[in-house]
Amino acid sequence: MMVYRATALRNAAAATAALLLGAGLAPAASAATPNAGNPAAERLGTYWTAARMAAALPGDTEPTAPAAADGPRPGEFIPPSKSFDGIPQAGAFFWTDADGTGRTCSASVVHSPDHNLVLSAGHCLKGYSGTSPKRNLGFVPQYHDGLKPFGIFPVKDDGVYVAQEYYARGEHAGAAYDFGFAVTERNQDGHRLEDVVGAVQLLTGTGYSHAPVRMIGYPGSAQKPLECLSWTTRWVSDDPADPGTFERIACDGFVGGTSGGPMLVPWPRGWAVIGVIGGYHTGGNTPQISYSAHFGPATRALYDAATTGGVAAGPAS
């Protein structure tokens, strides 16, 4: 792929940075409506103490040795990232492995008819599709500094959706399908997720080049998320093990744990998501360059399944 010649895009991103960074959608007015509490969320909230969340390890696959393509191009501008307190529409998944080890990945709330849907990377959620036991799996919107400002939202039984193609082809050969959705239950106060925090709009079929793009992710064991303002370009894989065409973005500091974090573009009244950290080399093997599977018909089909109660696929037996 050619070295970026994107001065105009950089200037556009810089010109809008002050406006975009720190902005988010306002929670829906119905958040104050009283509801019966959810005991499952109360139990999950008790389990995920500040100490356990802080100790959770990245849920990403262990990286391989970086290939030359994973790094910045000579002379390429790498936009800096900064830590902040997050936005309500982005957060972190927490779960435990079979041995009790805490894990975490990044995610975002996408608009859905039932106001209960979260988007992340397929490689973060793949262990919990179908009938797999969801060990302490919950979503914490705007997690920061050990806090759960909106509580925790358990994931429903059979509520994880990862494309069957991802299972059939495997993590690397199926890199173009590295996205997934999770359907949540109400929080401990009985509120639906989107009613409390708002949501971003899911966009599919919009191409590979976007600017400006705001990327958010939670580095493993970090107390705050990172955000970065950059742009995406088209990247055709040069690795036969990870085939496909992906979105590529330069942003510094996005290490393990940021997988599943959203790539956001401005949208009326808030943001829209055009990618998540994942795909090629499960999101990249260097902190400066990240990737996303392209959001196209397969993403839309998976969203439709998640929002209409389709059967959640699981690994082939």
C-alpha atoms as a PDB file:
ATOM      1  CA  MET A   1       0.000   0.000   0.000  1.00  0.00           C
ATOM      2  CA  MET A   2       1.226   3.521  -0.778  1.00  0.00           C
ATOM      3  CA  VAL A   3       2.522   5.792   1.966  1.00  0.00           C
ATOM      4  CA  TYR A   4      -0.153   8.208   3.142  1.00  0.00           C
ATOM      5  CA  ARG A   5      -0.396  11.430   1.191  1.00  0.00           C
ATOM      6  CA  ALA A   6      -3.188  12.742   3.353  1.00  0.00           C
ATOM      7  CA  THR A   7      -2.266  16.278   4.351  1.00  0.00           C
ATOM      8  CA  ALA A   8      -5.790  17.459   3.622  1.00  0.00           C
ATOM      9  CA  LEU A   9      -7.248  14.747   5.824  1.00  0.00           C
ATOM     10  CA  ARG A  10      -4.853  15.596   8.636  1.00  0.00           C
ATOM     11  CA  ASN A  11      -5.837  19.228   8.419  1.00  0.00           C
ATOM     12  CA  ALA A  12      -9.512  18.337   8.474  1.00  0.00           C
ATOM     13  CA  ALA A  13      -9.013  16.109  11.473  1.00  0.00           C
ATOM     14  CA  ALA A  14      -7.045  18.754  13.336  1.00  0.00           C
ATOM     15  CA  ALA A  15      -9.625  21.418  12.560  1.00  0.00           C
ATOM     16  CA  THR A  16     -12.429  19.367  14.098  1.00  0.00           C
ATOM     17  CA  ALA A  17     -10.541  17.831  17.016  1.00  0.00           C
ATOM     18  CA  ALA A  18     -11.618  20.387  19.577  1.00  0.00           C
ATOM     19  CA  LEU A  19     -15.244  19.929  18.605  1.00  0.00           C
ATOM     20  CA  LEU A  20     -15.266  16.151  18.405  1.00  0.00           C
ATOM     21  CA  LEU A  21     -13.063  14.928  21.238  1.00  0.00           C
ATOM     22  CA  GLY A  22     -15.028  14.717  24.434  1.00  0.00           C
ATOM     23  CA  ALA A  23     -18.418  14.919  22.693  1.00  0.00           C
ATOM     24  CA  GLY A  24     -21.057  12.220  23.022  1.00  0.00           C
ATOM     25  CA  LEU A  25     -24.749  11.556  22.735  1.00  0.00           C
ATOM     26  CA  ALA A  26     -26.999  12.564  25.597  1.00  0.00           C
ATOM     27  CA  PRO A  27     -28.716   9.652  27.356  1.00  0.00           C
ATOM     28  CA  ALA A  28     -32.362   9.159  26.494  1.00  0.00           C
ATOM     29  CA  ALA A  29     -34.917  10.939  28.651  1.00  0.00           C
ATOM     30  CA  SER A  30     -36.569   7.630  29.585  1.00  0.00           C
ATOM     31  CA  ALA A  31     -33.560   6.706  31.731  1.00  0.00           C
ATOM     32  CA  ALA A  32     -35.368   8.089  34.774  1.00  0.00           C
ATOM     33  CA  THR A  33     -38.390   5.783  34.339  1.00  0.00           C
ATOM     34  CA  PRO A  34     -38.571   3.460  37.364  1.00  0.00           C
ATOM     35  CA  ASN A  35     -38.286  -0.287  36.689  1.00  0.00           C
ATOM     36  CA  ALA A  36     -37.901  -3.420  38.734  1.00  0.00           C
ATOM     37  CA  GLY A  37     -34.271  -4.223  39.451  1.00  0.00           C
ATOM     38  CA  ASN A  38     -32.364  -7.081  37.847  1.00  0.00           C
ATOM     39  CA  PRO A  39     -30.892  -9.518  40.413  1.00  0.00           C
ATOM     40  CA  ALA A  40     -28.495 -10.940  37.803  1.00  0.00           C
ATOM     41  CA  ALA A  41     -26.994  -7.492  37.296  1.00  0.00           C
ATOM     42  CA  GLU A  42     -26.773  -6.969  41.037  1.00  0.00           C
ATOM     43  CA  ARG A  43     -24.815 -10.215  41.415  1.00  0.00           C
ATOM     44  CA  LEU A  44     -22.542  -9.328  38.512  1.00  0.00           C
ATOM     45  CA  GLY A  45     -21.949  -5.860  39.903  1.00  0.00           C
ATOM     46  CA  THR A  46     -20.929  -7.363  43.226  1.00  0.00           C
ATOM     47  CA  TYR A  47     -18.506  -9.735  41.522  1.00  0.00           C
ATOM     48  CA  TRP A  48     -16.821  -7.092  39.365  1.00  0.00           C
ATOM     49  CA  THR A  49     -15.237  -4.975  42.037  1.00  0.00           C
ATOM     50  CA  ALA A  50     -12.895  -2.128  41.149  1.00  0.00           C
ATOM     51  CA  ALA A  51      -9.933  -4.365  41.987  1.00  0.00           C
ATOM     52  CA  ARG A  52     -11.106  -7.217  39.752  1.00  0.00           C
ATOM     53  CA  MET A  53     -11.800  -4.907  36.828  1.00  0.00           C
ATOM     54  CA  ALA A  54      -8.403  -3.254  37.184  1.00  0.00           C
ATOM     55  CA  ALA A  55      -6.692  -6.668  37.258  1.00  0.00           C
ATOM     56  CA  ALA A  56      -8.498  -8.040  34.174  1.00  0.00           C
ATOM     57  CA  LEU A  57      -6.131  -9.037  31.370  1.00  0.00           C
ATOM     58  CA  PRO A  58      -6.674  -8.225  27.692  1.00  0.00           C
ATOM     59  CA  GLY A  59      -9.020 -10.673  26.037  1.00  0.00           C
ATOM     60  CA  ASP A  60      -7.220 -10.298  22.696  1.00  0.00           C
ATOM     61  CA  THR A  61      -5.386 -13.204  21.149  1.00  0.00           C
ATOM     62  CA  GLU A  62      -1.708 -13.146  21.979  1.00  0.00           C
ATOM     63  CA  PRO A  63       0.041 -11.207  19.192  1.00  0.00           C
ATOM     64  CA  THR A  64       2.524 -12.799  16.868  1.00  0.00           C
ATOM     65  CA  ALA A  65       5.783 -11.168  15.876  1.00  0.00           C
ATOM     66  CA  PRO A  66       4.979  -7.934  14.005  1.00  0.00           C
ATOM     67  CA  ALA A  67       5.255  -8.107  10.247  1.00  0.00           C
ATOM     68  CA  ALA A  68       6.705  -5.173   8.358  1.00  0.00           C
ATOM     69  CA  ALA A  69       3.222  -4.255   7.153  1.00  0.00           C
ATOM     70  CA  ASP A  70       2.001  -3.876  10.738  1.00  0.00           C
ATOM     71  CA  GLY A  71       4.154  -0.857  11.422  1.00  0.00           C
ATOM     72  CA  PRO A  72       4.051   2.761  10.289  1.00  0.00           C
ATOM     73  CA  ARG A  73       5.336   3.728   6.855  1.00  0.00           C
ATOM     74  CA  PRO A  74       8.564   5.746   6.699  1.00  0.00           C
ATOM     75  CA  GLY A  75       7.645   9.328   7.488  1.00  0.00           C
ATOM     76  CA  GLU A  76       4.010   8.487   8.230  1.00  0.00           C
ATOM     77  CA  PHE A  77       2.293  10.796  10.696  1.00  0.00           C
ATOM     78  CA  ILE A  78       0.975   8.901  13.730  1.00  0.00           C
ATOM     79  CA  PRO A  79      -1.742  10.877  15.524  1.00  0.00           C
ATOM     80  CA  PRO A  80      -1.306  10.837  19.303  1.00  0.00           C
ATOM     81  CA  SER A  81      -3.843   9.367  21.688  1.00  0.00           C
ATOM     82  CA  LYS A  82      -4.828  10.595  25.118  1.00  0.00           C
ATOM     83  CA  SER A  83      -6.533   9.060  28.118  1.00  0.00           C
ATOM     84  CA  PHE A  84      -9.890  10.467  29.187  1.00  0.00           C
ATOM     85  CA  ASP A  85     -12.978   9.503  31.194  1.00  0.00           C
ATOM     86  CA  GLY A  86     -14.743   8.033  28.171  1.00  0.00           C
ATOM     87  CA  ILE A  87     -18.202   8.504  26.702  1.00  0.00           C
ATOM     88  CA  PRO A  88     -21.420   6.733  27.746  1.00  0.00           C
ATOM     89  CA  GLN A  89     -21.731   4.913  24.410  1.00  0.00           C
ATOM     90  CA  ALA A  90     -18.355   3.139  24.716  1.00  0.00           C
ATOM     91  CA  GLY A  91     -17.156   0.814  27.429  1.00  0.00           C
ATOM     92  CA  ALA A  92     -15.572  -2.489  28.320  1.00  0.00           C
ATOM     93  CA  PHE A  93     -16.655  -6.110  28.470  1.00  0.00           C
ATOM     94  CA  PHE A  94     -15.475  -8.100  31.479  1.00  0.00           C
ATOM     95  CA  TRP A  95     -15.595 -11.897  31.820  1.00  0.00           C
ATOM     96  CA  THR A  96     -13.701 -14.767  33.394  1.00  0.00           C
ATOM     97  CA  ASP A  97     -11.924 -17.697  31.783  1.00  0.00           C
ATOM     98  CA  ALA A  98     -12.656 -21.231  32.953  1.00  0.00           C
ATOM     99  CA  ASP A  99      -9.821 -20.897  35.476  1.00  0.00           C
ATOM    100  CA  GLY A 100     -11.244 -17.650  36.882  1.00  0.00           C
ATOM    101  CA  THR A 101      -8.811 -15.275  35.161  1.00  0.00           C
ATOM    102  CA  GLY A 102     -10.473 -11.929  34.486  1.00  0.00           C
ATOM    103  CA  ARG A 103     -10.494 -10.697  30.893  1.00  0.00           C
ATOM    104  CA  THR A 104     -11.530  -7.505  29.143  1.00  0.00           C
ATOM    105  CA  CYS A 105     -12.153  -6.071  25.657  1.00  0.00           C
ATOM    106  CA  SER A 106     -13.550  -2.799  24.349  1.00  0.00           C
ATOM    107  CA  ALA A 107     -17.001  -2.251  22.849  1.00  0.00           C
ATOM    108  CA  SER A 108     -19.697   0.289  21.971  1.00  0.00           C
ATOM    109  CA  VAL A 109     -23.479   0.577  22.221  1.00  0.00           C
ATOM    110  CA  VAL A 110     -25.221   0.541  18.818  1.00  0.00           C
ATOM    111  CA  HIS A 111     -28.788   1.626  18.217  1.00  0.00           C
ATOM    112  CA  SER A 112     -31.239  -1.265  18.097  1.00  0.00           C
ATOM    113  CA  PRO A 113     -35.019  -1.679  18.307  1.00  0.00           C
ATOM    114  CA  ASP A 114     -34.827  -3.163  21.817  1.00  0.00           C
ATOM    115  CA  HIS A 115     -32.181  -0.688  23.058  1.00  0.00           C
ATOM    116  CA  ASN A 116     -29.895  -3.463  24.303  1.00  0.00           C
ATOM    117  CA  LEU A 117     -27.125  -4.133  21.754  1.00  0.00           C
ATOM    118  CA  VAL A 118     -23.333  -3.910  22.077  1.00  0.00           C
ATOM    119  CA  LEU A 119     -20.758  -4.197  19.270  1.00  0.00           C
ATOM    120  CA  SER A 120     -17.230  -5.578  19.674  1.00  0.00           C
ATOM    121  CA  ALA A 121     -14.676  -7.737  17.869  1.00  0.00           C
ATOM    122  CA  GLY A 122     -15.483 -11.333  17.022  1.00  0.00           C
ATOM    123  CA  HIS A 123     -12.241 -12.551  18.560  1.00  0.00           C
ATOM    124  CA  CYS A 124     -13.309 -11.015  21.885  1.00  0.00           C
ATOM    125  CA  LEU A 125     -16.768 -12.637  21.936  1.00  0.00           C
ATOM    126  CA  LYS A 126     -16.206 -15.909  20.072  1.00  0.00           C
ATOM    127  CA  GLY A 127     -15.899 -18.013  23.237  1.00  0.00           C
ATOM    128  CA  TYR A 128     -19.424 -17.130  24.315  1.00  0.00           C
ATOM    129  CA  SER A 129     -21.565 -17.735  21.232  1.00  0.00           C
ATOM    130  CA  GLY A 130     -24.273 -20.338  21.093  1.00  0.00           C
ATOM    131  CA  THR A 131     -24.720 -22.312  24.288  1.00  0.00           C
ATOM    132  CA  SER A 132     -21.270 -21.572  25.728  1.00  0.00           C
ATOM    133  CA  PRO A 133     -21.464 -20.596  29.420  1.00  0.00           C
ATOM    134  CA  LYS A 134     -21.070 -16.846  29.831  1.00  0.00           C
ATOM    135  CA  ARG A 135     -18.802 -16.704  32.870  1.00  0.00           C
ATOM    136  CA  ASN A 136     -19.472 -13.362  34.583  1.00  0.00           C
ATOM    137  CA  LEU A 137     -19.816 -11.714  31.159  1.00  0.00           C
ATOM    138  CA  GLY A 138     -21.074  -8.151  31.415  1.00  0.00           C
ATOM    139  CA  PHE A 139     -20.714  -4.763  29.775  1.00  0.00           C
ATOM    140  CA  VAL A 140     -19.717  -1.632  31.701  1.00  0.00           C
ATOM    141  CA  PRO A 141     -20.435   1.570  29.745  1.00  0.00           C
ATOM    142  CA  GLN A 142     -17.978   4.425  30.288  1.00  0.00           C
ATOM    143  CA  TYR A 143     -15.847   2.343  32.664  1.00  0.00           C
ATOM    144  CA  HIS A 144     -13.027   4.416  34.142  1.00  0.00           C
ATOM    145  CA  ASP A 145     -11.037   4.599  37.373  1.00  0.00           C
ATOM    146  CA  GLY A 146     -12.678   1.471  38.752  1.00  0.00           C
ATOM    147  CA  LEU A 147     -16.143   3.019  38.390  1.00  0.00           C
ATOM    148  CA  LYS A 148     -19.332   1.631  36.864  1.00  0.00           C
ATOM    149  CA  PRO A 149     -21.169   4.942  36.359  1.00  0.00           C
ATOM    150  CA  PHE A 150     -24.228   3.303  34.747  1.00  0.00           C
ATOM    151  CA  GLY A 151     -23.900  -0.079  36.407  1.00  0.00           C
ATOM    152  CA  ILE A 152     -23.218  -3.341  34.608  1.00  0.00           C
ATOM    153  CA  PHE A 153     -25.358  -4.995  31.947  1.00  0.00           C
ATOM    154  CA  PRO A 154     -25.289  -8.816  31.857  1.00  0.00           C
ATOM    155  CA  VAL A 155     -25.276 -10.537  28.466  1.00  0.00           C
ATOM    156  CA  LYS A 156     -28.365 -12.627  27.789  1.00  0.00           C
ATOM    157  CA  ASP A 157     -28.231 -16.384  27.418  1.00  0.00           C
ATOM    158  CA  ASP A 158     -27.713 -17.161  23.724  1.00  0.00           C
ATOM    159  CA  GLY A 159     -27.161 -13.428  23.304  1.00  0.00           C
ATOM    160  CA  VAL A 160     -23.719 -13.397  21.648  1.00  0.00           C
ATOM    161  CA  TYR A 161     -23.622 -13.199  17.848  1.00  0.00           C
ATOM    162  CA  VAL A 162     -20.424 -13.884  15.906  1.00  0.00           C
ATOM    163  CA  ALA A 163     -20.524 -14.721  12.189  1.00  0.00           C
ATOM    164  CA  GLN A 164     -20.533 -18.436  11.442  1.00  0.00           C
ATOM    165  CA  GLU A 165     -17.927 -17.722   8.752  1.00  0.00           C
ATOM    166  CA  TYR A 166     -15.557 -16.619  11.504  1.00  0.00           C
ATOM    167  CA  TYR A 167     -15.850 -19.996  13.201  1.00  0.00           C
ATOM    168  CA  ALA A 168     -15.761 -21.958   9.948  1.00  0.00           C
ATOM    169  CA  ARG A 169     -12.630 -20.253   8.599  1.00  0.00           C
ATOM    170  CA  GLY A 170     -10.799 -19.656  11.858  1.00  0.00           C
ATOM    171  CA  GLU A 171      -9.496 -16.545  13.546  1.00  0.00           C
ATOM    172  CA  HIS A 172      -6.994 -15.620  10.839  1.00  0.00           C
ATOM    173  CA  ALA A 173      -8.546 -16.942   7.620  1.00  0.00           C
ATOM    174  CA  GLY A 174     -11.821 -15.441   8.846  1.00  0.00           C
ATOM    175  CA  ALA A 175     -10.325 -12.045   9.702  1.00  0.00           C
ATOM    176  CA  ALA A 176     -12.787 -10.296   7.370  1.00  0.00           C
ATOM    177  CA  TYR A 177     -15.593 -11.422   9.742  1.00  0.00           C
ATOM    178  CA  ASP A 178     -14.002 -10.233  12.981  1.00  0.00           C
ATOM    179  CA  PHE A 179     -16.999  -8.461  14.513  1.00  0.00           C
ATOM    180  CA  GLY A 180     -19.721  -9.506  16.916  1.00  0.00           C
ATOM    181  CA  PHE A 181     -22.774  -8.328  18.831  1.00  0.00           C
ATOM    182  CA  ALA A 182     -23.998  -9.012  22.359  1.00  0.00           C
ATOM    183  CA  VAL A 183     -27.593  -8.617  23.533  1.00  0.00           C
ATOM    184  CA  THR A 184     -27.729  -7.318  27.090  1.00  0.00           C
ATOM    185  CA  GLU A 185     -30.158  -7.608  29.970  1.00  0.00           C
ATOM    186  CA  ARG A 186     -31.246  -4.626  32.050  1.00  0.00           C
ATOM    187  CA  ASN A 187     -28.916  -3.215  34.695  1.00  0.00           C
ATOM    188  CA  GLN A 188     -29.365  -3.464  38.451  1.00  0.00           C
ATOM    189  CA  ASP A 189     -31.910  -0.603  38.368  1.00  0.00           C
ATOM    190  CA  GLY A 190     -33.978  -2.307  35.692  1.00  0.00           C
ATOM    191  CA  HIS A 191     -33.032   0.061  32.862  1.00  0.00           C
ATOM    192  CA  ARG A 192     -32.275  -0.908  29.280  1.00  0.00           C
ATOM    193  CA  LEU A 193     -28.789  -0.054  28.087  1.00  0.00           C
ATOM    194  CA  GLU A 194     -29.588   2.431  25.332  1.00  0.00           C
ATOM    195  CA  ASP A 195     -32.210   4.174  27.481  1.00  0.00           C
ATOM    196  CA  VAL A 196     -29.469   5.013  29.971  1.00  0.00           C
ATOM    197  CA  VAL A 197     -26.448   5.850  27.809  1.00  0.00           C
ATOM    198  CA  GLY A 198     -27.719   6.495  24.281  1.00  0.00           C
ATOM    199  CA  ALA A 199     -26.156   4.746  21.280  1.00  0.00           C
ATOM    200  CA  VAL A 200     -24.150   5.201  18.111  1.00  0.00           C
ATOM    201  CA  GLN A 201     -25.516   4.391  14.668  1.00  0.00           C
ATOM    202  CA  LEU A 202     -24.202   1.314  12.850  1.00  0.00           C
ATOM    203  CA  LEU A 203     -23.098   2.129   9.295  1.00  0.00           C
ATOM    204  CA  THR A 204     -22.405  -0.562   6.695  1.00  0.00           C
ATOM    205  CA  GLY A 205     -21.414  -0.340   3.045  1.00  0.00           C
ATOM    206  CA  THR A 206     -19.808   3.098   3.382  1.00  0.00           C
ATOM    207  CA  GLY A 207     -16.388   2.216   1.963  1.00  0.00           C
ATOM    208  CA  TYR A 208     -12.974   2.240   3.568  1.00  0.00           C
ATOM    209  CA  SER A 209     -11.878   5.888   3.637  1.00  0.00           C
ATOM    210  CA  HIS A 210     -13.309   8.077   6.368  1.00  0.00           C
ATOM    211  CA  ALA A 211     -12.182  11.325   7.986  1.00  0.00           C
ATOM    212  CA  PRO A 212     -12.187  12.394  10.683  1.00  0.00           C
ATOM    213  CA  VAL A 213     -12.401   9.165  12.688  1.00  0.00           C
ATOM    214  CA  ARG A 214     -12.476   9.085  16.458  1.00  0.00           C
ATOM    215  CA  MET A 215     -11.136   5.792  17.825  1.00  0.00           C
ATOM    216  CA  ILE A 216     -11.721   4.730  21.440  1.00  0.00           C
ATOM    217  CA  GLY A 217     -10.287   1.719  23.245  1.00  0.00           C
ATOM    218  CA  TYR A 218      -9.487   0.368  26.701  1.00  0.00           C
ATOM    219  CA  PRO A 219      -5.888  -0.830  27.111  1.00  0.00           C
ATOM    220  CA  GLY A 220      -5.793  -3.877  29.369  1.00  0.00           C
ATOM    221  CA  SER A 221      -5.443  -2.971  33.078  1.00  0.00           C
ATOM    222  CA  ALA A 222      -5.626   0.764  32.288  1.00  0.00           C
ATOM    223  CA  GLN A 223      -7.824   2.888  34.499  1.00  0.00           C
ATOM    224  CA  LYS A 224      -9.048   5.063  31.636  1.00  0.00           C
ATOM    225  CA  PRO A 225      -9.776   4.577  27.938  1.00  0.00           C
ATOM    226  CA  LEU A 226      -7.794   6.145  25.104  1.00  0.00           C
ATOM    227  CA  GLU A 227      -9.129   8.306  22.301  1.00  0.00           C
ATOM    228  CA  CYS A 228      -7.475   9.440  19.096  1.00  0.00           C
ATOM    229  CA  LEU A 229      -8.560  11.486  16.088  1.00  0.00           C
ATOM    230  CA  SER A 230      -7.320  10.136  12.751  1.00  0.00           C
ATOM    231  CA  TRP A 231      -8.618   8.747   9.425  1.00  0.00           C
ATOM    232  CA  THR A 232      -9.054   5.347   7.800  1.00  0.00           C
ATOM    233  CA  THR A 233      -7.807   4.106   4.442  1.00  0.00           C
ATOM    234  CA  ARG A 234      -8.208   0.902   2.426  1.00  0.00           C
ATOM    235  CA  TRP A 235      -5.747  -1.880   3.199  1.00  0.00           C
ATOM    236  CA  VAL A 236      -5.541  -5.049   1.081  1.00  0.00           C
ATOM    237  CA  SER A 237      -3.929  -7.821   3.070  1.00  0.00           C
ATOM    238  CA  ASP A 238      -0.485  -8.970   1.987  1.00  0.00           C
ATOM    239  CA  ASP A 239      -0.644 -11.934   4.380  1.00  0.00           C
ATOM    240  CA  PRO A 240      -2.243 -15.085   2.896  1.00  0.00           C
ATOM    241  CA  ALA A 241      -3.051 -16.251   6.431  1.00  0.00           C
ATOM    242  CA  ASP A 242      -5.229 -13.147   7.017  1.00  0.00           C
ATOM    243  CA  PRO A 243      -6.902 -12.507   3.644  1.00  0.00           C
ATOM    244  CA  GLY A 244      -9.277  -9.685   2.899  1.00  0.00           C
ATOM    245  CA  THR A 245      -9.601  -5.935   2.515  1.00  0.00           C
ATOM    246  CA  PHE A 246      -9.663  -3.893   5.710  1.00  0.00           C
ATOM    247  CA  GLU A 247      -9.777  -0.399   7.091  1.00  0.00           C
ATOM    248  CA  ARG A 248      -6.380   0.795   8.340  1.00  0.00           C
ATOM    249  CA  ILE A 249      -5.896   3.594  10.860  1.00  0.00           C
ATOM    250  CA  ALA A 250      -2.828   5.161  12.469  1.00  0.00           C
ATOM    251  CA  CYS A 251      -3.203   6.044  16.166  1.00  0.00           C
ATOM    252  CA  ASP A 252      -0.537   5.727  18.830  1.00  0.00           C
ATOM    253  CA  GLY A 253      -0.857   3.628  21.982  1.00  0.00           C
ATOM    254  CA  PHE A 254      -3.600   1.136  21.076  1.00  0.00           C
ATOM    255  CA  VAL A 255      -2.338  -2.038  22.727  1.00  0.00           C
ATOM    256  CA  GLY A 256      -3.988  -5.245  23.981  1.00  0.00           C
ATOM    257  CA  GLY A 257      -7.465  -4.728  25.416  1.00  0.00           C
ATOM    258  CA  THR A 258      -8.434  -2.101  22.856  1.00  0.00           C
ATOM    259  CA  SER A 259      -9.762  -4.774  20.485  1.00  0.00           C
ATOM    260  CA  GLY A 260     -13.431  -4.179  19.795  1.00  0.00           C
ATOM    261  CA  GLY A 261     -13.080  -0.448  20.372  1.00  0.00           C
ATOM    262  CA  PRO A 262     -15.167   1.632  17.974  1.00  0.00           C
ATOM    263  CA  MET A 263     -14.028   3.742  15.039  1.00  0.00           C
ATOM    264  CA  LEU A 264     -16.531   6.602  15.038  1.00  0.00           C
ATOM    265  CA  VAL A 265     -17.488   9.259  12.514  1.00  0.00           C
ATOM    266  CA  PRO A 266     -19.661  12.325  13.133  1.00  0.00           C
ATOM    267  CA  TRP A 267     -23.366  11.669  12.681  1.00  0.00           C
ATOM    268  CA  PRO A 268     -26.470  13.809  13.219  1.00  0.00           C
ATOM    269  CA  ARG A 269     -26.951  14.193  16.992  1.00  0.00           C
ATOM    270  CA  GLY A 270     -23.860  12.156  17.809  1.00  0.00           C
ATOM    271  CA  TRP A 271     -21.716   9.411  16.281  1.00  0.00           C
ATOM    272  CA  ALA A 272     -21.828   6.454  13.923  1.00  0.00           C
ATOM    273  CA  VAL A 273     -19.528   3.416  13.976  1.00  0.00           C
ATOM    274  CA  ILE A 274     -17.801   2.285  10.771  1.00  0.00           C
ATOM    275  CA  GLY A 275     -15.392  -0.273  12.252  1.00  0.00           C
ATOM    276  CA  VAL A 276     -13.986  -1.894  15.381  1.00  0.00           C
ATOM    277  CA  ILE A 277     -10.382  -2.714  16.226  1.00  0.00           C
ATOM    278  CA  GLY A 278      -9.843  -6.226  14.882  1.00  0.00           C
ATOM    279  CA  GLY A 279      -9.684  -7.991  11.536  1.00  0.00           C
ATOM    280  CA  TYR A 280      -6.212  -8.118   9.965  1.00  0.00           C
ATOM    281  CA  HIS A 281      -3.857  -9.694  12.538  1.00  0.00           C
ATOM    282  CA  THR A 282      -6.744  -9.322  15.049  1.00  0.00           C
ATOM    283  CA  GLY A 283      -6.327  -5.550  14.894  1.00  0.00           C
ATOM    284  CA  GLY A 284      -2.594  -5.286  14.268  1.00  0.00           C
ATOM    285  CA  ASN A 285       0.553  -6.199  16.164  1.00  0.00           C
ATOM    286  CA  THR A 286       1.947  -2.745  16.859  1.00  0.00           C
ATOM    287  CA  PRO A 287       0.532   0.054  19.051  1.00  0.00           C
ATOM    288  CA  GLN A 288       0.637   2.583  16.193  1.00  0.00           C
ATOM    289  CA  ILE A 289      -1.440   0.883  13.472  1.00  0.00           C
ATOM    290  CA  SER A 290      -4.883  -0.703  13.897  1.00  0.00           C
ATOM    291  CA  TYR A 291      -7.318  -2.373  11.522  1.00  0.00           C
ATOM    292  CA  SER A 292     -10.985  -3.236  11.219  1.00  0.00           C
ATOM    293  CA  ALA A 293     -12.927  -5.796   9.247  1.00  0.00           C
ATOM    294  CA  HIS A 294     -14.971  -3.979   6.619  1.00  0.00           C
ATOM    295  CA  PHE A 295     -18.597  -3.430   7.630  1.00  0.00           C
ATOM    296  CA  GLY A 296     -20.642  -4.735   4.716  1.00  0.00           C
ATOM    297  CA  PRO A 297     -23.526  -7.167   4.053  1.00  0.00           C
ATOM    298  CA  ALA A 298     -22.193  -9.773   6.499  1.00  0.00           C
ATOM    299  CA  THR A 299     -22.133  -7.210   9.308  1.00  0.00           C
ATOM    300  CA  ARG A 300     -25.648  -6.065   8.504  1.00  0.00           C
ATOM    301  CA  ALA A 301     -26.896  -9.668   8.377  1.00  0.00           C
ATOM    302  CA  LEU A 302     -25.383 -10.388  11.794  1.00  0.00           C
ATOM    303  CA  TYR A 303     -26.950  -7.215  13.196  1.00  0.00           C
ATOM    304  CA  ASP A 304     -30.317  -8.280  11.803  1.00  0.00           C
ATOM    305  CA  ALA A 305     -29.975 -11.695  13.459  1.00  0.00           C
ATOM    306  CA  ALA A 306     -29.089 -10.115  16.801  1.00  0.00           C
ATOM    307  CA  THR A 307     -31.989  -7.664  16.677  1.00  0.00           C
ATOM    308  CA  THR A 308     -34.645 -10.121  15.526  1.00  0.00           C
ATOM    309  CA  GLY A 309     -33.821 -12.939  17.922  1.00  0.00           C
ATOM    310  CA  GLY A 310     -32.182 -15.227  15.402  1.00  0.00           C
ATOM    311  CA  VAL A 311     -30.315 -18.273  16.642  1.00  0.00           C
ATOM    312  CA  ALA A 312     -26.846 -17.299  17.868  1.00  0.00           C
ATOM    313  CA  ALA A 313     -24.256 -19.331  16.008  1.00  0.00           C
ATOM    314  CA  GLY A 314     -21.528 -21.173  17.830  1.00  0.00           C
ATOM    315  CA  PRO A 315     -18.392 -23.135  17.022  1.00  0.00           C
ATOM    316  CA  ALA A 316     -19.011 -26.185  14.874  1.00  0.00           C
ATOM    317  CA  SER A 317     -19.066 -29.326  16.965  1.00  0.00           C
END
